[in-house]
Amino acid sequence: MQTSDRVNLKFATALVVDDNPQALELMCSVLNAFGMKQITRADTGAAAQELMQRHTYDLVITDAQMPEIDGYDLVHWIRHLPGEAARMTPALVTTAHTRRPDVARARDCGANFIVAKPISPKVILERLYWIGKGTRPFVICDAYVGPDRRFRQSGPPADFPDGRRESDLAGDVSSVAGENLTQDELSAVVAPQRVQL
C-alpha cells in the first residue's frame, strides 16, 4: 500500500469465523485496530451459515480448518447463496496449512484471498485494500462462482500498477503436497492470471 492510501472501515461489517477462541479474538482485535466496529464472531461454519441467513456482511474472514463445515465449504456455500449481495461478499480464508492443494482449494471455492497464519496485520490490511479497490469481475457459472481467475501472471496486477512485491512470479498449482508456502509464495499462487480464449 502507498502511504497516501486511506481505508475507512468504520461502517463496514464483518463476520469472523474460527473454532480457535484465541485466533478468533486476535483477528477481531486486528479488524478493530483498523477502525472496524461492527464485528460478529462465529466459532463454527454452521453458526456462520445461520448468521448469514439473517444478516448481510461486508466481509467474511474464515479459518480453513474447522470441524464439520470448514472454511472452504463455508465460502463455497456463500458463493451459492440466492441473493447477489450475499453471494458476492468478499471472503478471506486464513490457514496454517498452505500446501499447494490447500491453496488450490481456497482459490477454487471462490475466496478472494488466502492468508497464511500466523496472520500479519499488514497483510490483512493489504488484502482488504485490494478487495476494496480491485476491479476483478465476478464469475457465476456451473463450475465456479467467485472473483475472476482467468488471468495469466504477467507481473503485478493491473489494479495495482506499483506492484506488490518484486518476487511476484507465476506459480503452477498442482496436487503434489509439500512444505507450507510462505506468504509471498502464497500470494503469487493465487494472483489473478490472464488466459487467451
C-alpha atoms as a PDB file:
ATOM      1  CA  MET A   1       0.000   0.000   0.000  1.00  0.00           C
ATOM      2  CA  GLN A   2       1.061   3.540  -0.607  1.00  0.00           C
ATOM      3  CA  THR A   3       1.322   5.939   2.317  1.00  0.00           C
ATOM      4  CA  SER A   4      -1.409   8.076   0.718  1.00  0.00           C
ATOM      5  CA  ASP A   5      -3.918   5.204   0.637  1.00  0.00           C
ATOM      6  CA  ARG A   6      -6.792   5.510   3.093  1.00  0.00           C
ATOM      7  CA  VAL A   7      -9.213   2.796   4.141  1.00  0.00           C
ATOM      8  CA  ASN A   8     -12.263   3.679   6.221  1.00  0.00           C
ATOM      9  CA  LEU A   9     -13.730   0.603   7.873  1.00  0.00           C
ATOM     10  CA  LYS A  10     -15.771   2.447  10.486  1.00  0.00           C
ATOM     11  CA  PHE A  11     -19.127   1.486   8.958  1.00  0.00           C
ATOM     12  CA  ALA A  12     -18.091  -1.885   7.497  1.00  0.00           C
ATOM     13  CA  THR A  13     -19.470  -5.111   8.934  1.00  0.00           C
ATOM     14  CA  ALA A  14     -17.511  -8.340   9.225  1.00  0.00           C
ATOM     15  CA  LEU A  15     -18.192 -11.936  10.142  1.00  0.00           C
ATOM     16  CA  VAL A  16     -15.116 -13.655  11.577  1.00  0.00           C
ATOM     17  CA  VAL A  17     -15.244 -17.461  11.815  1.00  0.00           C
ATOM     18  CA  ASP A  18     -12.714 -19.599  13.693  1.00  0.00           C
ATOM     19  CA  ASP A  19     -13.083 -22.554  16.039  1.00  0.00           C
ATOM     20  CA  ASN A  20      -9.947 -21.459  17.949  1.00  0.00           C
ATOM     21  CA  PRO A  21     -11.002 -18.806  20.524  1.00  0.00           C
ATOM     22  CA  GLN A  22      -7.542 -17.176  20.615  1.00  0.00           C
ATOM     23  CA  ALA A  23      -7.305 -16.916  16.813  1.00  0.00           C
ATOM     24  CA  LEU A  24     -10.874 -15.580  16.673  1.00  0.00           C
ATOM     25  CA  GLU A  25     -10.092 -12.895  19.243  1.00  0.00           C
ATOM     26  CA  LEU A  26      -6.816 -11.987  17.521  1.00  0.00           C
ATOM     27  CA  MET A  27      -8.489 -11.454  14.128  1.00  0.00           C
ATOM     28  CA  CYS A  28     -11.267  -9.381  15.691  1.00  0.00           C
ATOM     29  CA  SER A  29      -8.672  -7.279  17.520  1.00  0.00           C
ATOM     30  CA  VAL A  30      -6.803  -6.652  14.256  1.00  0.00           C
ATOM     31  CA  LEU A  31     -10.003  -5.548  12.498  1.00  0.00           C
ATOM     32  CA  ASN A  32     -10.937  -3.391  15.468  1.00  0.00           C
ATOM     33  CA  ALA A  33      -7.496  -1.746  15.344  1.00  0.00           C
ATOM     34  CA  PHE A  34      -8.216  -0.876  11.687  1.00  0.00           C
ATOM     35  CA  GLY A  35     -11.310   1.021  12.852  1.00  0.00           C
ATOM     36  CA  MET A  36     -13.940  -1.660  12.223  1.00  0.00           C
ATOM     37  CA  LYS A  37     -16.561  -1.603  14.965  1.00  0.00           C
ATOM     38  CA  GLN A  38     -19.268  -3.988  13.705  1.00  0.00           C
ATOM     39  CA  ILE A  39     -17.657  -7.420  14.017  1.00  0.00           C
ATOM     40  CA  THR A  40     -19.673 -10.608  14.505  1.00  0.00           C
ATOM     41  CA  ARG A  41     -17.958 -13.755  15.761  1.00  0.00           C
ATOM     42  CA  ALA A  42     -18.815 -17.381  14.954  1.00  0.00           C
ATOM     43  CA  ASP A  43     -16.979 -20.453  16.218  1.00  0.00           C
ATOM     44  CA  THR A  44     -18.318 -22.940  13.645  1.00  0.00           C
ATOM     45  CA  GLY A  45     -19.192 -22.948   9.976  1.00  0.00           C
ATOM     46  CA  ALA A  46     -22.777 -23.873  10.846  1.00  0.00           C
ATOM     47  CA  ALA A  47     -23.088 -20.858  13.167  1.00  0.00           C
ATOM     48  CA  ALA A  48     -21.705 -18.641  10.385  1.00  0.00           C
ATOM     49  CA  GLN A  49     -24.268 -20.008   7.908  1.00  0.00           C
ATOM     50  CA  GLU A  50     -27.068 -19.315  10.364  1.00  0.00           C
ATOM     51  CA  LEU A  51     -25.854 -15.736  10.865  1.00  0.00           C
ATOM     52  CA  MET A  52     -25.522 -15.125   7.121  1.00  0.00           C
ATOM     53  CA  GLN A  53     -29.104 -16.230   6.550  1.00  0.00           C
ATOM     54  CA  ARG A  54     -30.255 -13.428   8.868  1.00  0.00           C
ATOM     55  CA  HIS A  55     -27.689 -10.676   8.212  1.00  0.00           C
ATOM     56  CA  THR A  56     -25.656  -9.178   5.374  1.00  0.00           C
ATOM     57  CA  TYR A  57     -21.927  -8.605   5.914  1.00  0.00           C
ATOM     58  CA  ASP A  58     -19.365  -6.567   4.014  1.00  0.00           C
ATOM     59  CA  LEU A  59     -16.623  -9.126   4.698  1.00  0.00           C
ATOM     60  CA  VAL A  60     -16.207 -12.720   5.834  1.00  0.00           C
ATOM     61  CA  ILE A  61     -12.900 -13.946   7.260  1.00  0.00           C
ATOM     62  CA  THR A  62     -12.852 -17.656   7.992  1.00  0.00           C
ATOM     63  CA  ASP A  63     -10.341 -20.203   9.182  1.00  0.00           C
ATOM     64  CA  ALA A  64      -9.857 -23.002   6.663  1.00  0.00           C
ATOM     65  CA  GLN A  65      -9.594 -25.961   9.040  1.00  0.00           C
ATOM     66  CA  MET A  66     -12.710 -26.384  11.174  1.00  0.00           C
ATOM     67  CA  PRO A  67     -14.729 -29.494  12.020  1.00  0.00           C
ATOM     68  CA  GLU A  68     -17.853 -30.363  10.007  1.00  0.00           C
ATOM     69  CA  ILE A  69     -18.145 -27.224   7.821  1.00  0.00           C
ATOM     70  CA  ASP A  70     -14.643 -25.944   7.136  1.00  0.00           C
ATOM     71  CA  GLY A  71     -13.749 -22.518   5.750  1.00  0.00           C
ATOM     72  CA  TYR A  72     -13.541 -23.759   2.150  1.00  0.00           C
ATOM     73  CA  ASP A  73     -17.030 -25.256   2.342  1.00  0.00           C
ATOM     74  CA  LEU A  74     -18.339 -22.095   4.008  1.00  0.00           C
ATOM     75  CA  VAL A  75     -17.019 -19.852   1.215  1.00  0.00           C
ATOM     76  CA  HIS A  76     -18.382 -22.277  -1.411  1.00  0.00           C
ATOM     77  CA  TRP A  77     -21.777 -22.119   0.352  1.00  0.00           C
ATOM     78  CA  ILE A  78     -21.637 -18.292   0.410  1.00  0.00           C
ATOM     79  CA  ARG A  79     -20.879 -18.221  -3.330  1.00  0.00           C
ATOM     80  CA  HIS A  80     -24.056 -20.230  -3.988  1.00  0.00           C
ATOM     81  CA  LEU A  81     -26.457 -18.138  -1.880  1.00  0.00           C
ATOM     82  CA  PRO A  82     -29.505 -16.900  -3.815  1.00  0.00           C
ATOM     83  CA  GLY A  83     -29.073 -13.165  -3.125  1.00  0.00           C
ATOM     84  CA  GLU A  84     -26.477 -11.349  -5.229  1.00  0.00           C
ATOM     85  CA  ALA A  85     -25.223  -9.165  -2.349  1.00  0.00           C
ATOM     86  CA  ALA A  86     -24.641 -12.156  -0.062  1.00  0.00           C
ATOM     87  CA  ARG A  87     -23.118 -14.256  -2.856  1.00  0.00           C
ATOM     88  CA  MET A  88     -20.582 -11.564  -3.711  1.00  0.00           C
ATOM     89  CA  THR A  89     -19.474 -10.934  -0.114  1.00  0.00           C
ATOM     90  CA  PRO A  90     -15.660 -10.667  -0.085  1.00  0.00           C
ATOM     91  CA  ALA A  91     -14.170 -13.697   1.657  1.00  0.00           C
ATOM     92  CA  LEU A  92     -10.685 -14.233   3.088  1.00  0.00           C
ATOM     93  CA  VAL A  93      -9.565 -17.710   4.112  1.00  0.00           C
ATOM     94  CA  THR A  94      -6.870 -17.960   6.792  1.00  0.00           C
ATOM     95  CA  THR A  95      -4.886 -21.143   7.287  1.00  0.00           C
ATOM     96  CA  ALA A  96      -1.794 -22.535   8.942  1.00  0.00           C
ATOM     97  CA  HIS A  97      -1.621 -25.158   6.172  1.00  0.00           C
ATOM     98  CA  THR A  98      -0.506 -23.564   2.912  1.00  0.00           C
ATOM     99  CA  ARG A  99       0.473 -26.559   0.847  1.00  0.00           C
ATOM    100  CA  ARG A 100      -0.401 -26.208  -2.825  1.00  0.00           C
ATOM    101  CA  PRO A 101      -3.540 -28.412  -2.638  1.00  0.00           C
ATOM    102  CA  ASP A 102      -4.858 -26.220   0.209  1.00  0.00           C
ATOM    103  CA  VAL A 103      -4.169 -23.055  -1.782  1.00  0.00           C
ATOM    104  CA  ALA A 104      -5.895 -24.546  -4.839  1.00  0.00           C
ATOM    105  CA  ARG A 105      -8.904 -25.475  -2.722  1.00  0.00           C
ATOM    106  CA  ALA A 106      -9.163 -21.897  -1.379  1.00  0.00           C
ATOM    107  CA  ARG A 107      -8.888 -20.497  -4.899  1.00  0.00           C
ATOM    108  CA  ASP A 108     -11.471 -22.917  -6.285  1.00  0.00           C
ATOM    109  CA  CYS A 109     -14.047 -22.377  -3.521  1.00  0.00           C
ATOM    110  CA  GLY A 110     -14.287 -18.724  -4.561  1.00  0.00           C
ATOM    111  CA  ALA A 111     -12.241 -16.989  -1.856  1.00  0.00           C
ATOM    112  CA  ASN A 112     -10.885 -13.564  -2.717  1.00  0.00           C
ATOM    113  CA  PHE A 113      -7.599 -14.327  -0.963  1.00  0.00           C
ATOM    114  CA  ILE A 114      -5.950 -16.921   1.258  1.00  0.00           C
ATOM    115  CA  VAL A 115      -3.767 -15.634   4.095  1.00  0.00           C
ATOM    116  CA  ALA A 116      -1.178 -17.706   5.935  1.00  0.00           C
ATOM    117  CA  LYS A 117      -1.212 -17.980   9.711  1.00  0.00           C
ATOM    118  CA  PRO A 118       0.185 -16.608  11.867  1.00  0.00           C
ATOM    119  CA  ILE A 119      -1.570 -13.590  10.419  1.00  0.00           C
ATOM    120  CA  SER A 120       0.137 -10.287   9.822  1.00  0.00           C
ATOM    121  CA  PRO A 121      -1.990  -7.151  10.310  1.00  0.00           C
ATOM    122  CA  LYS A 122      -0.157  -5.577   7.348  1.00  0.00           C
ATOM    123  CA  VAL A 123      -1.124  -8.479   5.057  1.00  0.00           C
ATOM    124  CA  ILE A 124      -4.755  -8.380   6.235  1.00  0.00           C
ATOM    125  CA  LEU A 125      -4.949  -4.625   5.609  1.00  0.00           C
ATOM    126  CA  GLU A 126      -3.375  -5.031   2.143  1.00  0.00           C
ATOM    127  CA  ARG A 127      -5.909  -7.709   1.209  1.00  0.00           C
ATOM    128  CA  LEU A 128      -8.797  -5.554   2.433  1.00  0.00           C
ATOM    129  CA  TYR A 129      -7.472  -2.645   0.389  1.00  0.00           C
ATOM    130  CA  TRP A 130      -7.080  -4.823  -2.717  1.00  0.00           C
ATOM    131  CA  ILE A 131     -10.628  -6.138  -2.325  1.00  0.00           C
ATOM    132  CA  GLY A 132     -11.985  -2.607  -1.899  1.00  0.00           C
ATOM    133  CA  LYS A 133     -10.066  -1.095  -4.812  1.00  0.00           C
ATOM    134  CA  GLY A 134      -9.955  -4.106  -7.137  1.00  0.00           C
ATOM    135  CA  THR A 135     -11.795  -4.337 -10.434  1.00  0.00           C
ATOM    136  CA  ARG A 136     -11.823  -8.105 -10.970  1.00  0.00           C
ATOM    137  CA  PRO A 137     -15.163  -9.236 -12.419  1.00  0.00           C
ATOM    138  CA  PHE A 138     -17.268 -11.732 -10.503  1.00  0.00           C
ATOM    139  CA  VAL A 139     -17.844 -15.017 -12.338  1.00  0.00           C
ATOM    140  CA  ILE A 140     -21.020 -17.075 -11.989  1.00  0.00           C
ATOM    141  CA  CYS A 141     -21.063 -20.323 -13.980  1.00  0.00           C
ATOM    142  CA  ASP A 142     -21.694 -24.029 -13.419  1.00  0.00           C
ATOM    143  CA  ALA A 143     -18.102 -24.860 -12.474  1.00  0.00           C
ATOM    144  CA  TYR A 144     -17.119 -21.790 -10.464  1.00  0.00           C
ATOM    145  CA  VAL A 145     -18.561 -18.825  -8.574  1.00  0.00           C
ATOM    146  CA  GLY A 146     -16.227 -16.123  -7.303  1.00  0.00           C
ATOM    147  CA  PRO A 147     -13.693 -13.485  -8.336  1.00  0.00           C
ATOM    148  CA  ASP A 148     -12.412 -13.927 -11.895  1.00  0.00           C
ATOM    149  CA  ARG A 149      -9.359 -16.220 -12.067  1.00  0.00           C
ATOM    150  CA  ARG A 150      -8.882 -16.109 -15.861  1.00  0.00           C
ATOM    151  CA  PHE A 151      -5.548 -14.349 -15.938  1.00  0.00           C
ATOM    152  CA  ARG A 152      -2.006 -15.389 -16.767  1.00  0.00           C
ATOM    153  CA  GLN A 153       0.581 -13.981 -14.364  1.00  0.00           C
ATOM    154  CA  SER A 154       2.364 -11.234 -16.277  1.00  0.00           C
ATOM    155  CA  GLY A 155       3.669  -9.074 -13.466  1.00  0.00           C
ATOM    156  CA  PRO A 156       1.852  -7.072 -10.828  1.00  0.00           C
ATOM    157  CA  PRO A 157      -1.958  -6.890 -11.072  1.00  0.00           C
ATOM    158  CA  ALA A 158      -3.246  -4.092 -13.311  1.00  0.00           C
ATOM    159  CA  ASP A 159      -5.299  -2.823 -10.375  1.00  0.00           C
ATOM    160  CA  PHE A 160      -2.031  -2.069  -8.541  1.00  0.00           C
ATOM    161  CA  PRO A 161       0.468  -0.644 -11.062  1.00  0.00           C
ATOM    162  CA  ASP A 162       3.092  -0.068  -8.366  1.00  0.00           C
ATOM    163  CA  GLY A 163       3.075  -3.827  -7.828  1.00  0.00           C
ATOM    164  CA  ARG A 164       3.029  -5.869  -4.698  1.00  0.00           C
ATOM    165  CA  ARG A 165       6.496  -7.348  -4.486  1.00  0.00           C
ATOM    166  CA  GLU A 166       9.309  -7.859  -6.952  1.00  0.00           C
ATOM    167  CA  SER A 167       9.087 -11.593  -6.257  1.00  0.00           C
ATOM    168  CA  ASP A 168       5.554 -11.923  -7.701  1.00  0.00           C
ATOM    169  CA  LEU A 169       6.135 -14.636 -10.268  1.00  0.00           C
ATOM    170  CA  ALA A 170       3.895 -17.221 -11.875  1.00  0.00           C
ATOM    171  CA  GLY A 171       3.327 -20.432  -9.946  1.00  0.00           C
ATOM    172  CA  ASP A 172       1.780 -23.670 -11.131  1.00  0.00           C
ATOM    173  CA  VAL A 173      -0.797 -25.195  -8.794  1.00  0.00           C
ATOM    174  CA  SER A 174      -0.562 -28.961  -8.608  1.00  0.00           C
ATOM    175  CA  SER A 175      -1.847 -31.781  -6.457  1.00  0.00           C
ATOM    176  CA  VAL A 176       1.590 -32.562  -5.023  1.00  0.00           C
ATOM    177  CA  ALA A 177       1.733 -31.993  -1.266  1.00  0.00           C
ATOM    178  CA  GLY A 178       4.875 -30.492   0.178  1.00  0.00           C
ATOM    179  CA  GLU A 179       6.176 -27.870   2.543  1.00  0.00           C
ATOM    180  CA  ASN A 180       3.960 -24.947   3.515  1.00  0.00           C
ATOM    181  CA  LEU A 181       4.303 -21.909   1.290  1.00  0.00           C
ATOM    182  CA  THR A 182       5.438 -18.546   2.629  1.00  0.00           C
ATOM    183  CA  GLN A 183       3.003 -15.609   2.448  1.00  0.00           C
ATOM    184  CA  ASP A 184       4.881 -14.287  -0.623  1.00  0.00           C
ATOM    185  CA  GLU A 185       4.670 -17.676  -2.360  1.00  0.00           C
ATOM    186  CA  LEU A 186       1.024 -17.989  -1.355  1.00  0.00           C
ATOM    187  CA  SER A 187       0.142 -14.587  -2.832  1.00  0.00           C
ATOM    188  CA  ALA A 188       1.935 -15.455  -6.077  1.00  0.00           C
ATOM    189  CA  VAL A 189      -0.049 -18.699  -6.477  1.00  0.00           C
ATOM    190  CA  VAL A 190      -3.465 -17.076  -6.051  1.00  0.00           C
ATOM    191  CA  ALA A 191      -2.613 -13.948  -8.054  1.00  0.00           C
ATOM    192  CA  PRO A 192      -5.006 -13.289 -10.948  1.00  0.00           C
ATOM    193  CA  GLN A 193      -3.778 -14.897 -14.151  1.00  0.00           C
ATOM    194  CA  ARG A 194      -4.830 -13.936 -17.704  1.00  0.00           C
ATOM    195  CA  VAL A 195      -5.501 -16.622 -20.299  1.00  0.00           C
ATOM    196  CA  GLN A 196      -6.137 -16.272 -24.006  1.00  0.00           C
ATOM    197  CA  LEU A 197      -9.535 -17.501 -25.147  1.00  0.00           C
END
